[in-house]
Amino acid sequence: MSIDLQLSVLACNGRSMIIDLTEVTSLSSLGIHGILMSAKAILLRDRRMALLSPHVADVLTTAGIDKLAPIYDDLDAARVAVTPG
């Protein structure tokens, strides 16, 4: 199953999500698009999404994804961001 399809399925399940990109050192436009579409789908369902991304945060910020899903270097901070209340 492609990563785009996997992200779509996860985004539509009605839960908040953290995408762990700690092992990712570069992103293609396809990867950025998949994350962007997932963030929009999650927000439409009144859920939250956070990105764990120490290496590609600058690329995600340039793409404007940080306006939809905050970007963290720390898993605990990302967990707090997606926890309701």
Protein backbone atom coordinates (compact mmCIF):
# COMPACT_ATOMS: atom_id res chain seq x y z
CA MET A 1 0.00 0.00 0.00
CA SER A 2 1.43 3.42 -0.93
CA ILE A 3 2.25 5.95 1.79
CA ASP A 4 -0.36 8.34 0.33
CA LEU A 5 -3.07 5.72 0.70
CA GLN A 6 -1.92 4.81 4.20
CA LEU A 7 -2.01 8.46 5.28
CA SER A 8 -5.47 8.89 3.76
CA VAL A 9 -6.82 5.88 5.63
CA LEU A 10 -5.34 7.08 8.91
CA ALA A 11 -6.56 10.65 8.40
CA CYS A 12 -10.12 9.45 7.82
CA ASN A 13 -10.35 7.25 10.90
CA GLY A 14 -11.50 10.14 13.10
CA ARG A 15 -8.53 10.17 15.45
CA SER A 16 -5.80 12.68 16.10
CA MET A 17 -2.41 11.69 14.77
CA ILE A 18 1.32 12.20 15.18
CA ILE A 19 3.43 11.55 12.10
CA ASP A 20 6.93 10.53 13.16
CA LEU A 21 9.45 11.79 10.62
CA THR A 22 12.50 11.46 12.86
CA GLU A 23 14.24 9.13 10.40
CA VAL A 24 13.37 11.27 7.37
CA THR A 25 16.19 13.46 6.03
CA SER A 26 14.51 14.70 2.84
CA LEU A 27 10.97 14.98 1.46
CA SER A 28 9.74 14.97 -2.11
CA SER A 29 6.83 17.10 -3.25
CA LEU A 30 4.71 13.93 -3.18
CA GLY A 31 5.52 13.38 0.50
CA ILE A 32 4.74 17.00 1.33
CA HIS A 33 1.45 16.72 -0.56
CA GLY A 34 0.46 13.58 1.33
CA ILE A 35 1.14 15.20 4.69
CA LEU A 36 -0.73 18.35 3.65
CA MET A 37 -3.80 16.43 2.51
CA SER A 38 -3.79 14.36 5.70
CA ALA A 39 -3.57 17.48 7.87
CA LYS A 40 -6.52 19.03 6.06
CA ALA A 41 -8.60 15.84 6.38
CA ILE A 42 -7.86 15.60 10.10
CA LEU A 43 -8.73 19.25 10.71
CA LEU A 44 -12.03 18.84 8.85
CA ARG A 45 -12.93 16.15 11.39
CA ASP A 46 -12.07 18.45 14.32
CA ARG A 47 -9.04 16.38 15.23
CA ARG A 48 -5.41 17.35 15.70
CA MET A 49 -2.24 16.39 13.93
CA ALA A 50 1.36 17.00 14.96
CA LEU A 51 4.59 16.24 13.18
CA LEU A 52 7.70 14.91 14.88
CA SER A 53 10.40 16.16 12.57
CA PRO A 54 13.86 17.29 13.68
CA HIS A 55 15.45 17.00 10.21
CA VAL A 56 12.89 18.28 7.70
CA ALA A 57 11.09 20.91 9.79
CA ASP A 58 12.41 23.71 7.57
CA VAL A 59 10.96 22.07 4.43
CA LEU A 60 7.59 21.54 6.13
CA THR A 61 7.56 25.14 7.39
CA THR A 62 8.41 26.49 3.94
CA ALA A 63 5.50 24.46 2.54
CA GLY A 64 3.20 26.01 5.16
CA ILE A 65 2.31 22.72 6.80
CA ASP A 66 3.17 24.16 10.21
CA LYS A 67 0.04 26.32 9.93
CA LEU A 68 -2.08 23.14 9.85
CA ALA A 69 -0.02 20.83 12.03
CA PRO A 70 2.59 21.98 14.53
CA ILE A 71 6.09 20.56 14.16
CA TYR A 72 8.02 19.25 17.17
CA ASP A 73 11.44 17.81 17.92
CA ASP A 74 10.14 16.08 21.04
CA LEU A 75 7.60 13.24 21.18
CA ASP A 76 6.19 14.32 24.54
CA ALA A 77 5.42 17.81 23.20
CA ALA A 78 3.77 16.29 20.13
CA ARG A 79 1.62 14.06 22.34
CA VAL A 80 0.47 17.06 24.37
CA ALA A 81 -0.42 18.88 21.13
CA VAL A 82 -2.80 16.14 19.95
CA THR A 83 -4.34 15.39 23.35
CA PRO A 84 -7.79 16.96 23.76
CA GLY A 85 -8.46 19.34 26.59
